[in-house]
Amino acid sequence: MKTRIILPDTDGISEAGAILRSGGLVAFPTETVYGLGANALDATATKHIYEAKGRPSDNPMIVHVANIDMLNGVASGVTDAQKAIMSKLWPGPITFVLHKNPAVPDVTTGGLDTVAVRWPSRREAAEIIEAAGVPIAAPSANLSGKPSPTTFEDVAEDMDGRIDAIVKGERTAIGIESTVLDLTSEVPTILRPGFITKSQIEEAVDGEVQYDPSLFKKPGADDFHPKSPGMKYKHYAPKAAVRIVEGSKSAVSAAIAELETEAVSNNMKTAVLDYMGNGDKAANNFFADLRQCDRDGVDIIYIAAYDWDEVGFSVMNRMVKSAGYDIVNV
């Protein structure tokens, strides 16, 4: 398959919409990461996403919409209370888990009776969805398990020759995937932390919000069925080994220096990622830094981890998965 490169101008947006509408696959930029899109109501098209990414079939995809009519076409029984919450946080980097409309094929939702829905705020994403005229299933536009793409070049590395087209936009502004909030549970529950934080959601819902317990333990049980992308499998991993060092700032710095010395003595090329406790900076750069380490031929990456703000917690969620839960406490 020859992958076409499309510019995000008027003609390009129209072309991307036509490809999606006809059952093709198009990668496009959102405010979070680049997504790999297909018609969410076309089971064959969404199956091709799994094939292009090498994605496990029980890992649900997020459906992207650009208006309320599209939301009503993929979700059922949306309450006034749920609409009020969504109206405060959409468009933006947050996904809501709702009861599924029967029109959505099981392949799109990983066999679940719920559907994850997002209304992106980035201009190109919203215009492409509008141009397609159908809701778009769009996980991140990378090979399954690799760091999510934040640039056009990242997408091309993984997807050239696997999909119909890539929309060549600028680097994404946020850099990690959307927050996923389950609105079907009695208490709104964060299934995947993201740029929209727990405190911001609590303000929007004017009440309690909880984290899913699975966020605080290593996943992987065979009988565990993920309700959101990123919950079950090892994710975000570069070719290099990744080790997280956790503790006080001084102890972390000393431990990393010692680990680096040992690795270099064994002829390993090392890299250190330390975002100085700045969650926003970490979110914006983490995936890009992992991919650059691979381009540089790094063998092992050490990540400094210590107390962060709420966005930092979201990045730590990605970090521990990229490391396969290899954490050194000092």
C-alpha atoms as a PDB file:
ATOM      1  CA  MET A   1       0.000   0.000   0.000  1.00  0.00           C
ATOM      2  CA  LYS A   2       1.310   3.449  -0.914  1.00  0.00           C
ATOM      3  CA  THR A   3       0.708   5.997   1.855  1.00  0.00           C
ATOM      4  CA  ARG A   4      -0.248   9.443   0.609  1.00  0.00           C
ATOM      5  CA  ILE A   5       0.884  12.605   2.384  1.00  0.00           C
ATOM      6  CA  ILE A   6      -1.904  15.167   2.745  1.00  0.00           C
ATOM      7  CA  LEU A   7      -1.563  18.802   3.778  1.00  0.00           C
ATOM      8  CA  PRO A   8      -4.098  20.137   6.310  1.00  0.00           C
ATOM      9  CA  ASP A   9      -5.516  22.755   3.927  1.00  0.00           C
ATOM     10  CA  THR A  10      -9.053  22.886   2.552  1.00  0.00           C
ATOM     11  CA  ASP A  11      -8.376  20.381  -0.231  1.00  0.00           C
ATOM     12  CA  GLY A  12      -6.431  18.089   2.073  1.00  0.00           C
ATOM     13  CA  ILE A  13      -9.146  18.062   4.718  1.00  0.00           C
ATOM     14  CA  SER A  14     -11.709  17.186   2.058  1.00  0.00           C
ATOM     15  CA  GLU A  15      -9.497  14.402   0.682  1.00  0.00           C
ATOM     16  CA  ALA A  16      -8.915  12.936   4.156  1.00  0.00           C
ATOM     17  CA  GLY A  17     -12.647  12.962   4.833  1.00  0.00           C
ATOM     18  CA  ALA A  18     -13.368  11.169   1.562  1.00  0.00           C
ATOM     19  CA  ILE A  19     -10.811   8.426   2.309  1.00  0.00           C
ATOM     20  CA  LEU A  20     -12.305   7.853   5.758  1.00  0.00           C
ATOM     21  CA  ARG A  21     -15.856   7.866   4.449  1.00  0.00           C
ATOM     22  CA  SER A  22     -14.952   5.209   1.880  1.00  0.00           C
ATOM     23  CA  GLY A  23     -13.441   2.847   4.473  1.00  0.00           C
ATOM     24  CA  GLY A  24      -9.779   3.888   4.329  1.00  0.00           C
ATOM     25  CA  LEU A  25      -7.277   4.653   7.104  1.00  0.00           C
ATOM     26  CA  VAL A  26      -5.955   8.182   7.712  1.00  0.00           C
ATOM     27  CA  ALA A  27      -3.539   9.366  10.411  1.00  0.00           C
ATOM     28  CA  PHE A  28      -4.199  12.912  11.576  1.00  0.00           C
ATOM     29  CA  PRO A  29      -3.073  15.299  14.327  1.00  0.00           C
ATOM     30  CA  THR A  30      -5.145  16.005  17.425  1.00  0.00           C
ATOM     31  CA  GLU A  31      -4.244  18.222  20.376  1.00  0.00           C
ATOM     32  CA  THR A  32      -2.989  15.148  22.294  1.00  0.00           C
ATOM     33  CA  VAL A  33      -1.169  12.793  19.879  1.00  0.00           C
ATOM     34  CA  TYR A  34      -1.607  11.763  16.248  1.00  0.00           C
ATOM     35  CA  GLY A  35      -4.550   9.403  15.757  1.00  0.00           C
ATOM     36  CA  LEU A  36      -5.073   6.621  13.232  1.00  0.00           C
ATOM     37  CA  GLY A  37      -8.625   7.022  11.999  1.00  0.00           C
ATOM     38  CA  ALA A  38     -11.275   4.857  10.353  1.00  0.00           C
ATOM     39  CA  ASN A  39     -15.061   5.008  10.077  1.00  0.00           C
ATOM     40  CA  ALA A  40     -16.169   3.870  13.549  1.00  0.00           C
ATOM     41  CA  LEU A  41     -19.426   2.437  12.162  1.00  0.00           C
ATOM     42  CA  ASP A  42     -17.661   0.288   9.539  1.00  0.00           C
ATOM     43  CA  ALA A  43     -16.518  -2.988  11.122  1.00  0.00           C
ATOM     44  CA  THR A  44     -14.201  -3.805   8.226  1.00  0.00           C
ATOM     45  CA  ALA A  45     -12.516  -0.394   8.364  1.00  0.00           C
ATOM     46  CA  THR A  46     -11.952  -0.526  12.131  1.00  0.00           C
ATOM     47  CA  LYS A  47     -10.622  -4.073  11.833  1.00  0.00           C
ATOM     48  CA  HIS A  48      -7.984  -2.674   9.488  1.00  0.00           C
ATOM     49  CA  ILE A  49      -6.810  -0.349  12.287  1.00  0.00           C
ATOM     50  CA  TYR A  50      -6.047  -3.366  14.475  1.00  0.00           C
ATOM     51  CA  GLU A  51      -4.186  -4.967  11.574  1.00  0.00           C
ATOM     52  CA  ALA A  52      -2.136  -1.851  10.731  1.00  0.00           C
ATOM     53  CA  LYS A  53      -1.130  -1.315  14.353  1.00  0.00           C
ATOM     54  CA  GLY A  54      -0.763  -4.958  15.378  1.00  0.00           C
ATOM     55  CA  ARG A  55      -3.212  -4.078  18.153  1.00  0.00           C
ATOM     56  CA  PRO A  56      -4.857  -6.712  20.422  1.00  0.00           C
ATOM     57  CA  SER A  57      -8.505  -7.108  19.420  1.00  0.00           C
ATOM     58  CA  ASP A  58      -9.883  -6.688  22.958  1.00  0.00           C
ATOM     59  CA  ASN A  59      -8.250  -3.274  23.362  1.00  0.00           C
ATOM     60  CA  PRO A  60     -11.130  -0.793  22.789  1.00  0.00           C
ATOM     61  CA  MET A  61     -10.768   2.242  20.548  1.00  0.00           C
ATOM     62  CA  ILE A  62     -11.879   5.806  21.167  1.00  0.00           C
ATOM     63  CA  VAL A  63     -14.547   7.157  18.832  1.00  0.00           C
ATOM     64  CA  HIS A  64     -14.016  10.781  17.808  1.00  0.00           C
ATOM     65  CA  VAL A  65     -16.953  13.067  17.057  1.00  0.00           C
ATOM     66  CA  ALA A  66     -17.317  16.681  16.008  1.00  0.00           C
ATOM     67  CA  ASN A  67     -20.926  17.453  16.929  1.00  0.00           C
ATOM     68  CA  ILE A  68     -23.799  16.314  19.161  1.00  0.00           C
ATOM     69  CA  ASP A  69     -25.543  14.408  16.354  1.00  0.00           C
ATOM     70  CA  MET A  70     -22.485  12.185  16.015  1.00  0.00           C
ATOM     71  CA  LEU A  71     -22.431  11.633  19.772  1.00  0.00           C
ATOM     72  CA  ASN A  72     -26.054  10.507  19.703  1.00  0.00           C
ATOM     73  CA  GLY A  73     -25.206   8.134  16.873  1.00  0.00           C
ATOM     74  CA  VAL A  74     -22.596   6.229  18.890  1.00  0.00           C
ATOM     75  CA  ALA A  75     -23.889   6.491  22.487  1.00  0.00           C
ATOM     76  CA  SER A  76     -27.308   5.647  23.885  1.00  0.00           C
ATOM     77  CA  GLY A  77     -29.226   6.822  26.921  1.00  0.00           C
ATOM     78  CA  VAL A  78     -27.022   9.857  27.504  1.00  0.00           C
ATOM     79  CA  THR A  79     -28.489  11.655  30.515  1.00  0.00           C
ATOM     80  CA  ASP A  80     -28.832  15.370  31.088  1.00  0.00           C
ATOM     81  CA  ALA A  81     -26.305  15.103  33.916  1.00  0.00           C
ATOM     82  CA  GLN A  82     -23.770  13.457  31.612  1.00  0.00           C
ATOM     83  CA  LYS A  83     -24.380  16.085  28.930  1.00  0.00           C
ATOM     84  CA  ALA A  84     -23.805  18.835  31.506  1.00  0.00           C
ATOM     85  CA  ILE A  85     -20.406  17.347  32.425  1.00  0.00           C
ATOM     86  CA  MET A  86     -19.404  16.935  28.796  1.00  0.00           C
ATOM     87  CA  SER A  87     -20.428  20.484  27.935  1.00  0.00           C
ATOM     88  CA  LYS A  88     -17.953  21.816  30.514  1.00  0.00           C
ATOM     89  CA  LEU A  89     -14.973  19.815  29.252  1.00  0.00           C
ATOM     90  CA  TRP A  90     -15.569  19.394  25.515  1.00  0.00           C
ATOM     91  CA  PRO A  91     -14.125  19.965  22.964  1.00  0.00           C
ATOM     92  CA  GLY A  92     -10.816  18.949  24.518  1.00  0.00           C
ATOM     93  CA  PRO A  93      -8.428  16.219  25.651  1.00  0.00           C
ATOM     94  CA  ILE A  94     -10.927  14.103  27.572  1.00  0.00           C
ATOM     95  CA  THR A  95     -12.808  10.941  26.578  1.00  0.00           C
ATOM     96  CA  PHE A  96     -16.103   9.841  28.122  1.00  0.00           C
ATOM     97  CA  VAL A  97     -17.159   6.206  28.453  1.00  0.00           C
ATOM     98  CA  LEU A  98     -20.903   5.888  27.803  1.00  0.00           C
ATOM     99  CA  HIS A  99     -23.415   3.172  26.972  1.00  0.00           C
ATOM    100  CA  LYS A 100     -22.989   2.045  23.373  1.00  0.00           C
ATOM    101  CA  ASN A 101     -25.468   2.616  20.575  1.00  0.00           C
ATOM    102  CA  PRO A 102     -26.114  -0.713  18.782  1.00  0.00           C
ATOM    103  CA  ALA A 103     -24.988   0.959  15.556  1.00  0.00           C
ATOM    104  CA  VAL A 104     -21.381   0.786  16.765  1.00  0.00           C
ATOM    105  CA  PRO A 105     -19.834  -2.593  15.837  1.00  0.00           C
ATOM    106  CA  ASP A 106     -18.272  -4.691  18.565  1.00  0.00           C
ATOM    107  CA  VAL A 107     -14.877  -4.588  16.842  1.00  0.00           C
ATOM    108  CA  THR A 108     -14.710  -0.835  17.511  1.00  0.00           C
ATOM    109  CA  THR A 109     -15.283  -1.234  21.245  1.00  0.00           C
ATOM    110  CA  GLY A 110     -13.297  -4.409  21.833  1.00  0.00           C
ATOM    111  CA  GLY A 111     -16.507  -6.320  22.477  1.00  0.00           C
ATOM    112  CA  LEU A 112     -17.675  -4.031  25.285  1.00  0.00           C
ATOM    113  CA  ASP A 113     -21.228  -2.719  25.698  1.00  0.00           C
ATOM    114  CA  THR A 114     -19.788   0.728  26.355  1.00  0.00           C
ATOM    115  CA  VAL A 115     -18.181   3.190  23.963  1.00  0.00           C
ATOM    116  CA  ALA A 116     -15.403   5.715  24.611  1.00  0.00           C
ATOM    117  CA  VAL A 117     -16.124   9.045  22.888  1.00  0.00           C
ATOM    118  CA  ARG A 118     -14.018  12.183  22.422  1.00  0.00           C
ATOM    119  CA  TRP A 119     -14.592  15.545  20.746  1.00  0.00           C
ATOM    120  CA  PRO A 120     -11.118  16.887  19.883  1.00  0.00           C
ATOM    121  CA  SER A 121     -10.392  20.591  20.031  1.00  0.00           C
ATOM    122  CA  ARG A 122      -7.656  20.728  17.398  1.00  0.00           C
ATOM    123  CA  ARG A 123      -8.907  22.406  14.236  1.00  0.00           C
ATOM    124  CA  GLU A 124      -7.617  19.846  11.741  1.00  0.00           C
ATOM    125  CA  ALA A 125      -9.066  16.916  13.683  1.00  0.00           C
ATOM    126  CA  ALA A 126     -12.519  18.445  14.007  1.00  0.00           C
ATOM    127  CA  GLU A 127     -12.590  19.492  10.351  1.00  0.00           C
ATOM    128  CA  ILE A 128     -11.526  16.034   9.142  1.00  0.00           C
ATOM    129  CA  ILE A 129     -14.293  14.384  11.170  1.00  0.00           C
ATOM    130  CA  GLU A 130     -16.821  16.873   9.820  1.00  0.00           C
ATOM    131  CA  ALA A 131     -15.566  16.277   6.282  1.00  0.00           C
ATOM    132  CA  ALA A 132     -15.895  12.513   6.723  1.00  0.00           C
ATOM    133  CA  GLY A 133     -19.446  12.927   7.992  1.00  0.00           C
ATOM    134  CA  VAL A 134     -19.092   9.861  10.225  1.00  0.00           C
ATOM    135  CA  PRO A 135     -17.671   9.269  13.712  1.00  0.00           C
ATOM    136  CA  ILE A 136     -14.022   8.239  13.563  1.00  0.00           C
ATOM    137  CA  ALA A 137     -12.399   5.477  15.605  1.00  0.00           C
ATOM    138  CA  ALA A 138      -8.852   6.652  16.226  1.00  0.00           C
ATOM    139  CA  PRO A 139      -6.285   5.117  18.559  1.00  0.00           C
ATOM    140  CA  SER A 140      -2.777   6.575  18.480  1.00  0.00           C
ATOM    141  CA  ALA A 141      -1.086   6.270  15.068  1.00  0.00           C
ATOM    142  CA  ASN A 142       1.802   4.036  16.110  1.00  0.00           C
ATOM    143  CA  LEU A 143       2.654   0.350  16.037  1.00  0.00           C
ATOM    144  CA  SER A 144       1.070  -1.262  19.090  1.00  0.00           C
ATOM    145  CA  GLY A 145       3.264  -0.988  22.174  1.00  0.00           C
ATOM    146  CA  LYS A 146       5.543   1.760  20.835  1.00  0.00           C
ATOM    147  CA  PRO A 147       5.581   5.369  22.093  1.00  0.00           C
ATOM    148  CA  SER A 148       2.629   7.380  20.812  1.00  0.00           C
ATOM    149  CA  PRO A 149       3.429   9.767  17.929  1.00  0.00           C
ATOM    150  CA  THR A 150       3.534  13.515  18.476  1.00  0.00           C
ATOM    151  CA  THR A 151       4.894  14.476  15.045  1.00  0.00           C
ATOM    152  CA  PHE A 152       4.196  13.634  11.423  1.00  0.00           C
ATOM    153  CA  GLU A 153       7.645  12.037  11.231  1.00  0.00           C
ATOM    154  CA  ASP A 154       6.810   9.681  14.118  1.00  0.00           C
ATOM    155  CA  VAL A 155       3.718   8.475  12.281  1.00  0.00           C
ATOM    156  CA  ALA A 156       5.611   7.959   9.032  1.00  0.00           C
ATOM    157  CA  GLU A 157       8.237   5.832  10.820  1.00  0.00           C
ATOM    158  CA  ASP A 158       5.573   3.379  11.963  1.00  0.00           C
ATOM    159  CA  MET A 159       2.782   3.618   9.399  1.00  0.00           C
ATOM    160  CA  ASP A 160       4.282   4.340   5.980  1.00  0.00           C
ATOM    161  CA  GLY A 161       3.036   1.618   3.662  1.00  0.00           C
ATOM    162  CA  ARG A 162       0.455   0.375   6.162  1.00  0.00           C
ATOM    163  CA  ILE A 163      -2.273   3.012   5.780  1.00  0.00           C
ATOM    164  CA  ASP A 164      -3.848   5.116   3.041  1.00  0.00           C
ATOM    165  CA  ALA A 165      -2.784   8.599   4.105  1.00  0.00           C
ATOM    166  CA  ILE A 166      -1.121  10.796   6.733  1.00  0.00           C
ATOM    167  CA  VAL A 167      -2.204  14.380   7.312  1.00  0.00           C
ATOM    168  CA  LYS A 168       1.003  16.379   7.733  1.00  0.00           C
ATOM    169  CA  GLY A 169       0.303  18.720  10.638  1.00  0.00           C
ATOM    170  CA  GLU A 170       2.465  20.413  13.242  1.00  0.00           C
ATOM    171  CA  ARG A 171       3.657  18.725  16.429  1.00  0.00           C
ATOM    172  CA  THR A 172       0.877  18.058  18.926  1.00  0.00           C
ATOM    173  CA  ALA A 173       0.449  20.608  21.705  1.00  0.00           C
ATOM    174  CA  ILE A 174      -0.142  18.298  24.688  1.00  0.00           C
ATOM    175  CA  GLY A 175       1.857  15.163  23.953  1.00  0.00           C
ATOM    176  CA  ILE A 176       0.005  12.460  25.915  1.00  0.00           C
ATOM    177  CA  GLU A 177      -3.328  10.834  25.215  1.00  0.00           C
ATOM    178  CA  SER A 178      -6.647  12.079  26.555  1.00  0.00           C
ATOM    179  CA  THR A 179      -8.000  11.484  30.029  1.00  0.00           C
ATOM    180  CA  VAL A 180     -10.620   8.709  29.958  1.00  0.00           C
ATOM    181  CA  LEU A 181     -13.563   9.151  32.342  1.00  0.00           C
ATOM    182  CA  ASP A 182     -16.174   6.420  32.828  1.00  0.00           C
ATOM    183  CA  LEU A 183     -19.617   8.013  33.242  1.00  0.00           C
ATOM    184  CA  THR A 184     -21.450   4.677  33.388  1.00  0.00           C
ATOM    185  CA  SER A 185     -20.299   3.914  36.936  1.00  0.00           C
ATOM    186  CA  GLU A 186     -22.027   5.224  40.060  1.00  0.00           C
ATOM    187  CA  VAL A 187     -19.065   7.503  40.771  1.00  0.00           C
ATOM    188  CA  PRO A 188     -17.312   9.012  37.713  1.00  0.00           C
ATOM    189  CA  THR A 189     -14.117   6.992  37.372  1.00  0.00           C
ATOM    190  CA  ILE A 190     -10.830   7.866  35.694  1.00  0.00           C
ATOM    191  CA  LEU A 191      -9.718   4.856  33.651  1.00  0.00           C
ATOM    192  CA  ARG A 192      -6.719   6.600  32.108  1.00  0.00           C
ATOM    193  CA  PRO A 193      -5.209   9.803  33.518  1.00  0.00           C
ATOM    194  CA  GLY A 194      -4.371  12.570  31.086  1.00  0.00           C
ATOM    195  CA  PHE A 195      -3.960  16.318  30.682  1.00  0.00           C
ATOM    196  CA  ILE A 196      -7.407  16.992  32.168  1.00  0.00           C
ATOM    197  CA  THR A 197      -6.784  16.234  35.844  1.00  0.00           C
ATOM    198  CA  LYS A 198      -8.874  14.751  38.627  1.00  0.00           C
ATOM    199  CA  SER A 199      -9.352  18.130  40.328  1.00  0.00           C
ATOM    200  CA  GLN A 200     -10.517  19.738  37.082  1.00  0.00           C
ATOM    201  CA  ILE A 201     -13.037  16.950  36.563  1.00  0.00           C
ATOM    202  CA  GLU A 202     -14.279  17.206  40.154  1.00  0.00           C
ATOM    203  CA  GLU A 203     -14.912  20.898  39.579  1.00  0.00           C
ATOM    204  CA  ALA A 204     -16.860  20.089  36.396  1.00  0.00           C
ATOM    205  CA  VAL A 205     -18.981  17.340  37.975  1.00  0.00           C
ATOM    206  CA  ASP A 206     -19.316  19.275  41.261  1.00  0.00           C
ATOM    207  CA  GLY A 207     -18.750  16.058  43.182  1.00  0.00           C
ATOM    208  CA  GLU A 208     -16.557  13.040  43.791  1.00  0.00           C
ATOM    209  CA  VAL A 209     -14.357  11.473  41.122  1.00  0.00           C
ATOM    210  CA  GLN A 210     -12.311   8.321  41.673  1.00  0.00           C
ATOM    211  CA  TYR A 211      -9.395   6.558  40.012  1.00  0.00           C
ATOM    212  CA  ASP A 212      -9.890   3.014  38.744  1.00  0.00           C
ATOM    213  CA  PRO A 213      -7.969   0.680  41.113  1.00  0.00           C
ATOM    214  CA  SER A 214      -6.178  -0.921  38.154  1.00  0.00           C
ATOM    215  CA  LEU A 215      -4.126   2.281  37.753  1.00  0.00           C
ATOM    216  CA  PHE A 216      -2.203   1.407  40.904  1.00  0.00           C
ATOM    217  CA  LYS A 217      -1.225  -2.168  40.113  1.00  0.00           C
ATOM    218  CA  LYS A 218       0.511  -4.061  37.355  1.00  0.00           C
ATOM    219  CA  PRO A 219      -2.040  -5.273  34.769  1.00  0.00           C
ATOM    220  CA  GLY A 220      -1.891  -8.408  32.719  1.00  0.00           C
ATOM    221  CA  ALA A 221      -4.219 -11.042  34.198  1.00  0.00           C
ATOM    222  CA  ASP A 222      -5.704 -13.160  31.424  1.00  0.00           C
ATOM    223  CA  ASP A 223      -9.233 -12.560  32.704  1.00  0.00           C
ATOM    224  CA  PHE A 224      -8.853  -8.777  32.816  1.00  0.00           C
ATOM    225  CA  HIS A 225     -10.847  -7.024  30.085  1.00  0.00           C
ATOM    226  CA  PRO A 226      -9.737  -3.400  29.602  1.00  0.00           C
ATOM    227  CA  LYS A 227     -12.476  -0.743  29.608  1.00  0.00           C
ATOM    228  CA  SER A 228     -10.144   1.853  28.123  1.00  0.00           C
ATOM    229  CA  PRO A 229      -7.055   1.959  25.903  1.00  0.00           C
ATOM    230  CA  GLY A 230      -3.819   1.711  27.857  1.00  0.00           C
ATOM    231  CA  MET A 231      -5.146  -0.370  30.751  1.00  0.00           C
ATOM    232  CA  LYS A 232      -3.890  -3.884  30.034  1.00  0.00           C
ATOM    233  CA  TYR A 233      -0.887  -4.222  27.810  1.00  0.00           C
ATOM    234  CA  LYS A 234       2.669  -2.938  27.968  1.00  0.00           C
ATOM    235  CA  HIS A 235       2.500   0.400  26.196  1.00  0.00           C
ATOM    236  CA  TYR A 236       4.637   3.291  25.043  1.00  0.00           C
ATOM    237  CA  ALA A 237       7.868   1.250  24.998  1.00  0.00           C
ATOM    238  CA  PRO A 238      10.902   2.240  22.904  1.00  0.00           C
ATOM    239  CA  LYS A 239      13.465  -0.267  21.632  1.00  0.00           C
ATOM    240  CA  ALA A 240      15.733   0.718  24.509  1.00  0.00           C
ATOM    241  CA  ALA A 241      15.255  -0.736  27.977  1.00  0.00           C
ATOM    242  CA  VAL A 242      13.630   1.723  30.382  1.00  0.00           C
ATOM    243  CA  ARG A 243      14.226   1.910  34.140  1.00  0.00           C
ATOM    244  CA  ILE A 244      12.497   4.345  36.495  1.00  0.00           C
ATOM    245  CA  VAL A 245      14.349   5.564  39.581  1.00  0.00           C
ATOM    246  CA  GLU A 246      12.063   6.840  42.311  1.00  0.00           C
ATOM    247  CA  GLY A 247      12.838   8.679  45.551  1.00  0.00           C
ATOM    248  CA  SER A 248      14.040  12.069  46.769  1.00  0.00           C
ATOM    249  CA  LYS A 249      15.609  14.307  44.140  1.00  0.00           C
ATOM    250  CA  SER A 250      19.140  13.960  45.535  1.00  0.00           C
ATOM    251  CA  ALA A 251      18.867  10.195  45.972  1.00  0.00           C
ATOM    252  CA  VAL A 252      17.500   9.762  42.455  1.00  0.00           C
ATOM    253  CA  SER A 253      20.339  11.812  40.927  1.00  0.00           C
ATOM    254  CA  ALA A 254      22.985   9.813  42.810  1.00  0.00           C
ATOM    255  CA  ALA A 255      21.406   6.468  41.920  1.00  0.00           C
ATOM    256  CA  ILE A 256      21.124   7.302  38.236  1.00  0.00           C
ATOM    257  CA  ALA A 257      24.758   8.411  38.114  1.00  0.00           C
ATOM    258  CA  GLU A 258      25.804   5.074  39.624  1.00  0.00           C
ATOM    259  CA  LEU A 259      23.589   3.065  37.265  1.00  0.00           C
ATOM    260  CA  GLU A 260      24.897   4.986  34.266  1.00  0.00           C
ATOM    261  CA  THR A 261      28.499   4.319  35.241  1.00  0.00           C
ATOM    262  CA  GLU A 262      27.801   0.602  35.491  1.00  0.00           C
ATOM    263  CA  ALA A 263      25.963   0.530  32.150  1.00  0.00           C
ATOM    264  CA  VAL A 264      28.719   2.451  30.332  1.00  0.00           C
ATOM    265  CA  SER A 265      31.310   0.033  31.739  1.00  0.00           C
ATOM    266  CA  ASN A 266      29.318  -2.687  30.001  1.00  0.00           C
ATOM    267  CA  ASN A 267      29.512  -0.790  26.687  1.00  0.00           C
ATOM    268  CA  MET A 268      25.865   0.336  26.825  1.00  0.00           C
ATOM    269  CA  LYS A 269      24.724   3.708  25.516  1.00  0.00           C
ATOM    270  CA  THR A 270      22.602   5.512  28.102  1.00  0.00           C
ATOM    271  CA  ALA A 271      20.182   8.440  28.291  1.00  0.00           C
ATOM    272  CA  VAL A 272      18.549  10.185  31.250  1.00  0.00           C
ATOM    273  CA  LEU A 273      15.096  11.787  31.204  1.00  0.00           C
ATOM    274  CA  ASP A 274      14.582  14.233  34.059  1.00  0.00           C
ATOM    275  CA  TYR A 275      11.777  16.773  33.726  1.00  0.00           C
ATOM    276  CA  MET A 276      12.471  18.467  37.087  1.00  0.00           C
ATOM    277  CA  GLY A 277       9.011  17.667  38.409  1.00  0.00           C
ATOM    278  CA  ASN A 278       7.354  19.700  35.637  1.00  0.00           C
ATOM    279  CA  GLY A 279       4.286  17.703  34.595  1.00  0.00           C
ATOM    280  CA  ASP A 280       3.379  19.851  31.582  1.00  0.00           C
ATOM    281  CA  LYS A 281       6.936  19.690  30.237  1.00  0.00           C
ATOM    282  CA  ALA A 282       7.031  15.938  30.773  1.00  0.00           C
ATOM    283  CA  ALA A 283       3.705  15.443  28.986  1.00  0.00           C
ATOM    284  CA  ASN A 284       4.832  17.473  26.003  1.00  0.00           C
ATOM    285  CA  ASN A 285       8.216  15.803  25.598  1.00  0.00           C
ATOM    286  CA  PHE A 286       8.110  12.263  26.981  1.00  0.00           C
ATOM    287  CA  PHE A 287       7.014  10.311  23.894  1.00  0.00           C
ATOM    288  CA  ALA A 288       9.161  12.461  21.614  1.00  0.00           C
ATOM    289  CA  ASP A 289      12.178  11.868  23.850  1.00  0.00           C
ATOM    290  CA  LEU A 290      11.648   8.096  23.842  1.00  0.00           C
ATOM    291  CA  ARG A 291      11.554   8.061  20.054  1.00  0.00           C
ATOM    292  CA  GLN A 292      14.665  10.244  19.825  1.00  0.00           C
ATOM    293  CA  CYS A 293      16.501   7.834  22.102  1.00  0.00           C
ATOM    294  CA  ASP A 294      15.723   5.052  19.639  1.00  0.00           C
ATOM    295  CA  ARG A 295      16.994   7.168  16.746  1.00  0.00           C
ATOM    296  CA  ASP A 296      20.194   7.780  18.734  1.00  0.00           C
ATOM    297  CA  GLY A 297      20.731   4.076  19.341  1.00  0.00           C
ATOM    298  CA  VAL A 298      20.367   4.278  23.119  1.00  0.00           C
ATOM    299  CA  ASP A 299      20.467   0.930  24.945  1.00  0.00           C
ATOM    300  CA  ILE A 300      18.982   1.937  28.290  1.00  0.00           C
ATOM    301  CA  ILE A 301      16.995   4.975  29.446  1.00  0.00           C
ATOM    302  CA  TYR A 302      16.884   6.072  33.076  1.00  0.00           C
ATOM    303  CA  ILE A 303      13.905   8.166  34.132  1.00  0.00           C
ATOM    304  CA  ALA A 304      13.921  10.339  37.246  1.00  0.00           C
ATOM    305  CA  ALA A 305      10.616  10.110  39.108  1.00  0.00           C
ATOM    306  CA  TYR A 306       9.567  12.000  42.220  1.00  0.00           C
ATOM    307  CA  ASP A 307       6.570  13.941  43.544  1.00  0.00           C
ATOM    308  CA  TRP A 308       4.699  15.640  40.706  1.00  0.00           C
ATOM    309  CA  ASP A 309       1.464  17.529  40.178  1.00  0.00           C
ATOM    310  CA  GLU A 310      -1.620  15.871  38.677  1.00  0.00           C
ATOM    311  CA  VAL A 311      -0.431  16.046  35.085  1.00  0.00           C
ATOM    312  CA  GLY A 312       2.797  14.484  36.307  1.00  0.00           C
ATOM    313  CA  PHE A 313       0.784  11.560  37.652  1.00  0.00           C
ATOM    314  CA  SER A 314      -0.636  11.086  34.166  1.00  0.00           C
ATOM    315  CA  VAL A 315       2.851  11.018  32.662  1.00  0.00           C
ATOM    316  CA  MET A 316       4.026   8.576  35.342  1.00  0.00           C
ATOM    317  CA  ASN A 317       1.214   6.270  34.211  1.00  0.00           C
ATOM    318  CA  ARG A 318       2.867   6.180  30.774  1.00  0.00           C
ATOM    319  CA  MET A 319       6.378   5.949  32.201  1.00  0.00           C
ATOM    320  CA  VAL A 320       5.756   2.841  34.296  1.00  0.00           C
ATOM    321  CA  LYS A 321       4.162   1.094  31.305  1.00  0.00           C
ATOM    322  CA  SER A 322       7.063   2.066  29.024  1.00  0.00           C
ATOM    323  CA  ALA A 323       9.399   0.548  31.627  1.00  0.00           C
ATOM    324  CA  GLY A 324       7.311  -2.601  32.028  1.00  0.00           C
ATOM    325  CA  TYR A 325       7.056  -1.685  35.722  1.00  0.00           C
ATOM    326  CA  ASP A 326      10.861  -1.776  36.193  1.00  0.00           C
ATOM    327  CA  ILE A 327      11.118   0.695  39.094  1.00  0.00           C
ATOM    328  CA  VAL A 328      14.065   1.205  41.433  1.00  0.00           C
ATOM    329  CA  ASN A 329      13.201   2.829  44.772  1.00  0.00           C
ATOM    330  CA  VAL A 330      16.048   4.737  46.421  1.00  0.00           C
END
